Amino acid sequence: MPRKKACHAGTRLAYTQCVQRLLFLVFFTGCALISTTVDVQSAGITPSGERFYYSNFDGSVGSARIMRRYWRVPVVHPDATVDSRLDPRLRKAATIAQDRAHARSKARCWRAVKEALLASGVISSYPKTNYASQAGEELVQNYGFRKLPVRDQFKAPIGSVLVFGKGTTGHVVIRTKTGFASDYWTRNRCKYPLVAVYGKFSS
């Protein structure tokens, strides 16, 4: 019997401590909210339903407009154009790459681009580099490609080779009329930064 009473007493004590901790947490959270409100008001900022205010790391106050609606209109980029100065076999390579492309990436983009360029006849041997980020340098040094003055991937001409990223985190594609082909086809912007666009001029 004394053991049962001790058990009940321990349970009540644990329950009381839990309630006390919860009340302290609620009190502390309320104080923090009040402090934040006072800081904002002391900075000369009035509550607004149009803008969201926040504090920067340097102590200054910034704001951003609150967006309450958005338009579900897809971004449509114009089709790629043909640069008549480029070797027409590049356009053939673009067609080959798109025909062979999968619906999703197989992590073999540079291999797919190599095979498409070789099959089109625009290069005479299989490139030896392993990483996509190395594609441009090898194409320039060994296959007569040149860097094109293009800074936007959607403005690259059909058949041009686009290199993204650096080191082991890169990507390479061939520009098609409506998108980009490697081991898969997409019309979307690459997540890696564009390094350069390459093409081979007709001799």
C-alpha atoms as a PDB file:
ATOM      1  CA  MET A   1       0.000   0.000   0.000  1.00  0.00           C
ATOM      2  CA  PRO A   2       2.743   2.566   0.765  1.00  0.00           C
ATOM      3  CA  ARG A   3       4.321   1.676  -2.570  1.00  0.00           C
ATOM      4  CA  LYS A   4       1.056   2.481  -4.417  1.00  0.00           C
ATOM      5  CA  LYS A   5       0.765   5.836  -2.648  1.00  0.00           C
ATOM      6  CA  ALA A   6       4.369   6.640  -3.550  1.00  0.00           C
ATOM      7  CA  CYS A   7       3.603   5.804  -7.187  1.00  0.00           C
ATOM      8  CA  HIS A   8       0.571   8.123  -7.221  1.00  0.00           C
ATOM      9  CA  ALA A   9       2.598  10.884  -5.607  1.00  0.00           C
ATOM     10  CA  GLY A  10       5.356  10.525  -8.218  1.00  0.00           C
ATOM     11  CA  THR A  11       2.816  10.711 -11.041  1.00  0.00           C
ATOM     12  CA  ARG A  12       1.234  13.869  -9.600  1.00  0.00           C
ATOM     13  CA  LEU A  13       4.665  15.449  -9.216  1.00  0.00           C
ATOM     14  CA  ALA A  14       5.626  14.650 -12.804  1.00  0.00           C
ATOM     15  CA  TYR A  15       2.287  16.006 -14.053  1.00  0.00           C
ATOM     16  CA  THR A  16       2.732  19.210 -12.042  1.00  0.00           C
ATOM     17  CA  GLN A  17       6.230  19.738 -13.433  1.00  0.00           C
ATOM     18  CA  CYS A  18       4.983  19.179 -17.003  1.00  0.00           C
ATOM     19  CA  VAL A  19       2.221  21.763 -16.569  1.00  0.00           C
ATOM     20  CA  GLN A  20       4.686  24.254 -15.115  1.00  0.00           C
ATOM     21  CA  ARG A  21       7.034  23.822 -18.071  1.00  0.00           C
ATOM     22  CA  LEU A  22       4.155  24.297 -20.522  1.00  0.00           C
ATOM     23  CA  LEU A  23       3.021  27.484 -18.801  1.00  0.00           C
ATOM     24  CA  PHE A  24       6.588  28.809 -18.823  1.00  0.00           C
ATOM     25  CA  LEU A  25       6.886  28.079 -22.563  1.00  0.00           C
ATOM     26  CA  VAL A  26       3.616  29.903 -23.314  1.00  0.00           C
ATOM     27  CA  PHE A  27       4.725  32.874 -21.185  1.00  0.00           C
ATOM     28  CA  PHE A  28       8.147  33.007 -22.873  1.00  0.00           C
ATOM     29  CA  THR A  29       6.600  32.852 -26.383  1.00  0.00           C
ATOM     30  CA  GLY A  30       4.173  35.644 -25.535  1.00  0.00           C
ATOM     31  CA  CYS A  31       7.007  37.848 -24.276  1.00  0.00           C
ATOM     32  CA  ALA A  32       8.973  37.222 -27.456  1.00  0.00           C
ATOM     33  CA  LEU A  33       6.011  38.247 -29.627  1.00  0.00           C
ATOM     34  CA  ILE A  34       5.448  41.396 -27.600  1.00  0.00           C
ATOM     35  CA  SER A  35       9.156  42.251 -27.837  1.00  0.00           C
ATOM     36  CA  THR A  36       9.113  41.816 -31.619  1.00  0.00           C
ATOM     37  CA  THR A  37       6.068  44.053 -31.943  1.00  0.00           C
ATOM     38  CA  VAL A  38       7.713  46.744 -29.811  1.00  0.00           C
ATOM     39  CA  ASP A  39      10.917  46.564 -31.888  1.00  0.00           C
ATOM     40  CA  VAL A  40       9.002  46.960 -35.130  1.00  0.00           C
ATOM     41  CA  GLN A  41       6.999  49.876 -33.815  1.00  0.00           C
ATOM     42  CA  SER A  42      10.099  51.554 -32.412  1.00  0.00           C
ATOM     43  CA  ALA A  43      11.675  51.327 -35.872  1.00  0.00           C
ATOM     44  CA  GLY A  44       8.835  53.471 -37.166  1.00  0.00           C
ATOM     45  CA  ILE A  45       7.040  50.658 -38.972  1.00  0.00           C
ATOM     46  CA  THR A  46       3.292  50.411 -38.838  1.00  0.00           C
ATOM     47  CA  PRO A  47       1.462  47.122 -39.362  1.00  0.00           C
ATOM     48  CA  SER A  48       0.469  46.618 -42.988  1.00  0.00           C
ATOM     49  CA  GLY A  49      -1.602  44.119 -44.921  1.00  0.00           C
ATOM     50  CA  GLU A  50       0.286  44.886 -48.122  1.00  0.00           C
ATOM     51  CA  ARG A  51       3.916  44.396 -47.073  1.00  0.00           C
ATOM     52  CA  PHE A  52       5.855  41.947 -44.919  1.00  0.00           C
ATOM     53  CA  TYR A  53       8.567  43.488 -42.724  1.00  0.00           C
ATOM     54  CA  TYR A  54      11.678  41.698 -41.488  1.00  0.00           C
ATOM     55  CA  SER A  55      15.018  42.485 -39.840  1.00  0.00           C
ATOM     56  CA  ASN A  56      18.284  42.034 -41.740  1.00  0.00           C
ATOM     57  CA  PHE A  57      21.485  40.712 -40.175  1.00  0.00           C
ATOM     58  CA  ASP A  58      22.895  44.222 -39.951  1.00  0.00           C
ATOM     59  CA  GLY A  59      19.909  45.421 -37.913  1.00  0.00           C
ATOM     60  CA  SER A  60      18.217  47.287 -40.750  1.00  0.00           C
ATOM     61  CA  VAL A  61      14.584  46.669 -41.618  1.00  0.00           C
ATOM     62  CA  GLY A  62      13.545  45.339 -45.004  1.00  0.00           C
ATOM     63  CA  SER A  63      10.176  44.678 -46.547  1.00  0.00           C
ATOM     64  CA  ALA A  64       8.575  42.716 -49.355  1.00  0.00           C
ATOM     65  CA  ARG A  65       5.193  42.954 -50.994  1.00  0.00           C
ATOM     66  CA  ILE A  66       2.661  40.334 -49.911  1.00  0.00           C
ATOM     67  CA  MET A  67       1.437  38.446 -52.978  1.00  0.00           C
ATOM     68  CA  ARG A  68      -2.159  37.362 -52.566  1.00  0.00           C
ATOM     69  CA  ARG A  69      -2.682  35.902 -56.027  1.00  0.00           C
ATOM     70  CA  TYR A  70      -0.669  34.803 -59.030  1.00  0.00           C
ATOM     71  CA  TRP A  71      -1.411  33.999 -62.644  1.00  0.00           C
ATOM     72  CA  ARG A  72      -1.032  30.406 -63.778  1.00  0.00           C
ATOM     73  CA  VAL A  73       0.356  31.396 -67.139  1.00  0.00           C
ATOM     74  CA  PRO A  74       3.303  29.278 -68.306  1.00  0.00           C
ATOM     75  CA  VAL A  75       6.445  31.022 -69.503  1.00  0.00           C
ATOM     76  CA  VAL A  76       6.706  30.338 -73.225  1.00  0.00           C
ATOM     77  CA  HIS A  77      10.071  30.802 -74.895  1.00  0.00           C
ATOM     78  CA  PRO A  78      10.296  31.260 -78.663  1.00  0.00           C
ATOM     79  CA  ASP A  79      11.604  28.406 -80.798  1.00  0.00           C
ATOM     80  CA  ALA A  80      15.326  28.321 -81.499  1.00  0.00           C
ATOM     81  CA  THR A  81      16.499  29.732 -84.816  1.00  0.00           C
ATOM     82  CA  VAL A  82      18.919  28.424 -87.418  1.00  0.00           C
ATOM     83  CA  ASP A  83      22.314  30.085 -87.707  1.00  0.00           C
ATOM     84  CA  SER A  84      23.242  29.573 -91.350  1.00  0.00           C
ATOM     85  CA  ARG A  85      26.941  30.032 -90.518  1.00  0.00           C
ATOM     86  CA  LEU A  86      27.027  26.830 -88.472  1.00  0.00           C
ATOM     87  CA  ASP A  87      27.758  23.401 -89.916  1.00  0.00           C
ATOM     88  CA  PRO A  88      24.386  21.896 -90.954  1.00  0.00           C
ATOM     89  CA  ARG A  89      25.439  18.582 -89.427  1.00  0.00           C
ATOM     90  CA  LEU A  90      24.893  20.198 -86.033  1.00  0.00           C
ATOM     91  CA  ARG A  91      21.170  20.371 -86.796  1.00  0.00           C
ATOM     92  CA  LYS A  92      21.321  16.683 -87.695  1.00  0.00           C
ATOM     93  CA  ALA A  93      23.000  16.003 -84.341  1.00  0.00           C
ATOM     94  CA  ALA A  94      20.175  17.855 -82.584  1.00  0.00           C
ATOM     95  CA  THR A  95      17.594  15.660 -84.332  1.00  0.00           C
ATOM     96  CA  ILE A  96      19.506  12.485 -83.457  1.00  0.00           C
ATOM     97  CA  ALA A  97      19.848  13.496 -79.803  1.00  0.00           C
ATOM     98  CA  GLN A  98      16.150  14.332 -79.526  1.00  0.00           C
ATOM     99  CA  ASP A  99      15.094  11.057 -81.166  1.00  0.00           C
ATOM    100  CA  ARG A 100      17.250   9.056 -78.764  1.00  0.00           C
ATOM    101  CA  ALA A 101      16.429  11.067 -75.643  1.00  0.00           C
ATOM    102  CA  HIS A 102      14.605   9.522 -72.705  1.00  0.00           C
ATOM    103  CA  ALA A 103      11.790  11.088 -70.734  1.00  0.00           C
ATOM    104  CA  ARG A 104      14.061  11.420 -67.682  1.00  0.00           C
ATOM    105  CA  SER A 105      17.748  11.852 -67.074  1.00  0.00           C
ATOM    106  CA  LYS A 106      19.981   8.789 -66.923  1.00  0.00           C
ATOM    107  CA  ALA A 107      22.974  10.870 -65.729  1.00  0.00           C
ATOM    108  CA  ARG A 108      24.698  10.264 -69.084  1.00  0.00           C
ATOM    109  CA  CYS A 109      24.248  13.638 -70.780  1.00  0.00           C
ATOM    110  CA  TRP A 110      27.781  13.988 -72.147  1.00  0.00           C
ATOM    111  CA  ARG A 111      27.746  10.425 -73.486  1.00  0.00           C
ATOM    112  CA  ALA A 112      24.476  11.085 -75.318  1.00  0.00           C
ATOM    113  CA  VAL A 113      25.804  14.331 -76.808  1.00  0.00           C
ATOM    114  CA  LYS A 114      29.050  12.629 -77.881  1.00  0.00           C
ATOM    115  CA  GLU A 115      27.130   9.871 -79.655  1.00  0.00           C
ATOM    116  CA  ALA A 116      24.811  12.322 -81.413  1.00  0.00           C
ATOM    117  CA  LEU A 117      27.703  14.500 -82.630  1.00  0.00           C
ATOM    118  CA  LEU A 118      29.613  11.439 -83.856  1.00  0.00           C
ATOM    119  CA  ALA A 119      26.570   9.924 -85.570  1.00  0.00           C
ATOM    120  CA  SER A 120      25.895  13.190 -87.420  1.00  0.00           C
ATOM    121  CA  GLY A 121      29.444  13.310 -88.766  1.00  0.00           C
ATOM    122  CA  VAL A 122      30.215  16.746 -87.297  1.00  0.00           C
ATOM    123  CA  ILE A 123      33.075  15.152 -85.302  1.00  0.00           C
ATOM    124  CA  SER A 124      35.289  12.350 -86.553  1.00  0.00           C
ATOM    125  CA  SER A 125      36.097  10.498 -83.317  1.00  0.00           C
ATOM    126  CA  TYR A 126      34.604   9.805 -79.925  1.00  0.00           C
ATOM    127  CA  PRO A 127      35.556  12.481 -77.312  1.00  0.00           C
ATOM    128  CA  LYS A 128      37.615  11.194 -74.393  1.00  0.00           C
ATOM    129  CA  THR A 129      36.691  13.509 -71.493  1.00  0.00           C
ATOM    130  CA  ASN A 130      34.417  12.164 -68.772  1.00  0.00           C
ATOM    131  CA  TYR A 131      32.621  15.169 -67.299  1.00  0.00           C
ATOM    132  CA  ALA A 132      30.032  17.380 -68.977  1.00  0.00           C
ATOM    133  CA  SER A 133      31.855  20.500 -67.809  1.00  0.00           C
ATOM    134  CA  GLN A 134      34.862  19.416 -69.909  1.00  0.00           C
ATOM    135  CA  ALA A 135      32.863  19.162 -73.123  1.00  0.00           C
ATOM    136  CA  GLY A 136      33.395  22.693 -74.402  1.00  0.00           C
ATOM    137  CA  GLU A 137      37.149  22.703 -73.917  1.00  0.00           C
ATOM    138  CA  GLU A 138      37.573  19.388 -75.732  1.00  0.00           C
ATOM    139  CA  LEU A 139      35.298  20.379 -78.609  1.00  0.00           C
ATOM    140  CA  VAL A 140      37.301  23.582 -79.109  1.00  0.00           C
ATOM    141  CA  GLN A 141      40.734  21.987 -78.841  1.00  0.00           C
ATOM    142  CA  ASN A 142      40.140  18.810 -80.847  1.00  0.00           C
ATOM    143  CA  TYR A 143      37.126  19.294 -83.107  1.00  0.00           C
ATOM    144  CA  GLY A 144      37.154  22.867 -84.390  1.00  0.00           C
ATOM    145  CA  PHE A 145      34.283  24.233 -82.318  1.00  0.00           C
ATOM    146  CA  ARG A 146      34.201  27.875 -81.265  1.00  0.00           C
ATOM    147  CA  LYS A 147      32.551  29.698 -78.384  1.00  0.00           C
ATOM    148  CA  LEU A 148      29.482  31.648 -79.517  1.00  0.00           C
ATOM    149  CA  PRO A 149      28.542  35.104 -78.117  1.00  0.00           C
ATOM    150  CA  VAL A 150      25.385  33.797 -76.436  1.00  0.00           C
ATOM    151  CA  ARG A 151      24.606  34.321 -72.747  1.00  0.00           C
ATOM    152  CA  ASP A 152      21.027  33.028 -72.612  1.00  0.00           C
ATOM    153  CA  GLN A 153      20.423  29.336 -73.193  1.00  0.00           C
ATOM    154  CA  PHE A 154      17.114  30.035 -74.933  1.00  0.00           C
ATOM    155  CA  LYS A 155      18.853  32.209 -77.517  1.00  0.00           C
ATOM    156  CA  ALA A 156      21.281  29.484 -78.562  1.00  0.00           C
ATOM    157  CA  PRO A 157      20.880  28.416 -82.229  1.00  0.00           C
ATOM    158  CA  ILE A 158      19.703  24.948 -83.226  1.00  0.00           C
ATOM    159  CA  GLY A 159      22.510  22.395 -83.021  1.00  0.00           C
ATOM    160  CA  SER A 160      24.748  24.397 -80.710  1.00  0.00           C
ATOM    161  CA  VAL A 161      26.255  22.667 -77.693  1.00  0.00           C
ATOM    162  CA  LEU A 162      25.554  24.240 -74.295  1.00  0.00           C
ATOM    163  CA  VAL A 163      27.736  23.542 -71.267  1.00  0.00           C
ATOM    164  CA  PHE A 164      26.552  24.194 -67.699  1.00  0.00           C
ATOM    165  CA  GLY A 165      28.180  24.016 -64.281  1.00  0.00           C
ATOM    166  CA  LYS A 166      31.714  23.068 -63.363  1.00  0.00           C
ATOM    167  CA  GLY A 167      33.703  20.118 -62.091  1.00  0.00           C
ATOM    168  CA  THR A 168      31.652  17.003 -61.477  1.00  0.00           C
ATOM    169  CA  THR A 169      28.403  18.974 -61.158  1.00  0.00           C
ATOM    170  CA  GLY A 170      27.683  19.942 -64.744  1.00  0.00           C
ATOM    171  CA  HIS A 171      25.413  19.328 -67.680  1.00  0.00           C
ATOM    172  CA  VAL A 172      25.684  19.456 -71.472  1.00  0.00           C
ATOM    173  CA  VAL A 173      22.941  19.562 -74.102  1.00  0.00           C
ATOM    174  CA  ILE A 174      22.338  20.145 -77.781  1.00  0.00           C
ATOM    175  CA  ARG A 175      19.840  22.883 -78.625  1.00  0.00           C
ATOM    176  CA  THR A 176      16.826  21.642 -80.534  1.00  0.00           C
ATOM    177  CA  LYS A 177      14.076  23.731 -82.081  1.00  0.00           C
ATOM    178  CA  THR A 178      11.834  23.625 -79.033  1.00  0.00           C
ATOM    179  CA  GLY A 179      14.124  22.530 -76.212  1.00  0.00           C
ATOM    180  CA  PHE A 180      17.346  20.821 -75.200  1.00  0.00           C
ATOM    181  CA  ALA A 181      18.447  17.221 -75.784  1.00  0.00           C
ATOM    182  CA  SER A 182      21.053  15.025 -74.149  1.00  0.00           C
ATOM    183  CA  ASP A 183      20.197  11.678 -72.553  1.00  0.00           C
ATOM    184  CA  TYR A 184      16.765  13.227 -71.978  1.00  0.00           C
ATOM    185  CA  TRP A 185      14.780  16.040 -73.578  1.00  0.00           C
ATOM    186  CA  THR A 186      13.472  19.119 -71.802  1.00  0.00           C
ATOM    187  CA  ARG A 187      12.239  22.598 -72.569  1.00  0.00           C
ATOM    188  CA  ASN A 188      13.147  23.952 -69.129  1.00  0.00           C
ATOM    189  CA  ARG A 189      16.047  26.094 -67.954  1.00  0.00           C
ATOM    190  CA  CYS A 190      19.015  24.168 -66.555  1.00  0.00           C
ATOM    191  CA  LYS A 191      19.543  24.401 -62.790  1.00  0.00           C
ATOM    192  CA  TYR A 192      23.293  24.921 -63.299  1.00  0.00           C
ATOM    193  CA  PRO A 193      24.717  28.242 -64.528  1.00  0.00           C
ATOM    194  CA  LEU A 194      25.459  28.463 -68.245  1.00  0.00           C
ATOM    195  CA  VAL A 195      29.212  28.355 -68.888  1.00  0.00           C
ATOM    196  CA  ALA A 196      29.244  28.810 -72.659  1.00  0.00           C
ATOM    197  CA  VAL A 197      27.569  27.959 -75.950  1.00  0.00           C
ATOM    198  CA  TYR A 198      29.635  26.271 -78.663  1.00  0.00           C
ATOM    199  CA  GLY A 199      29.216  25.765 -82.382  1.00  0.00           C
ATOM    200  CA  LYS A 200      31.196  24.637 -85.409  1.00  0.00           C
ATOM    201  CA  PHE A 201      31.208  26.888 -88.439  1.00  0.00           C
ATOM    202  CA  SER A 202      30.922  25.561 -91.968  1.00  0.00           C
ATOM    203  CA  SER A 203      34.262  25.291 -93.739  1.00  0.00           C
END
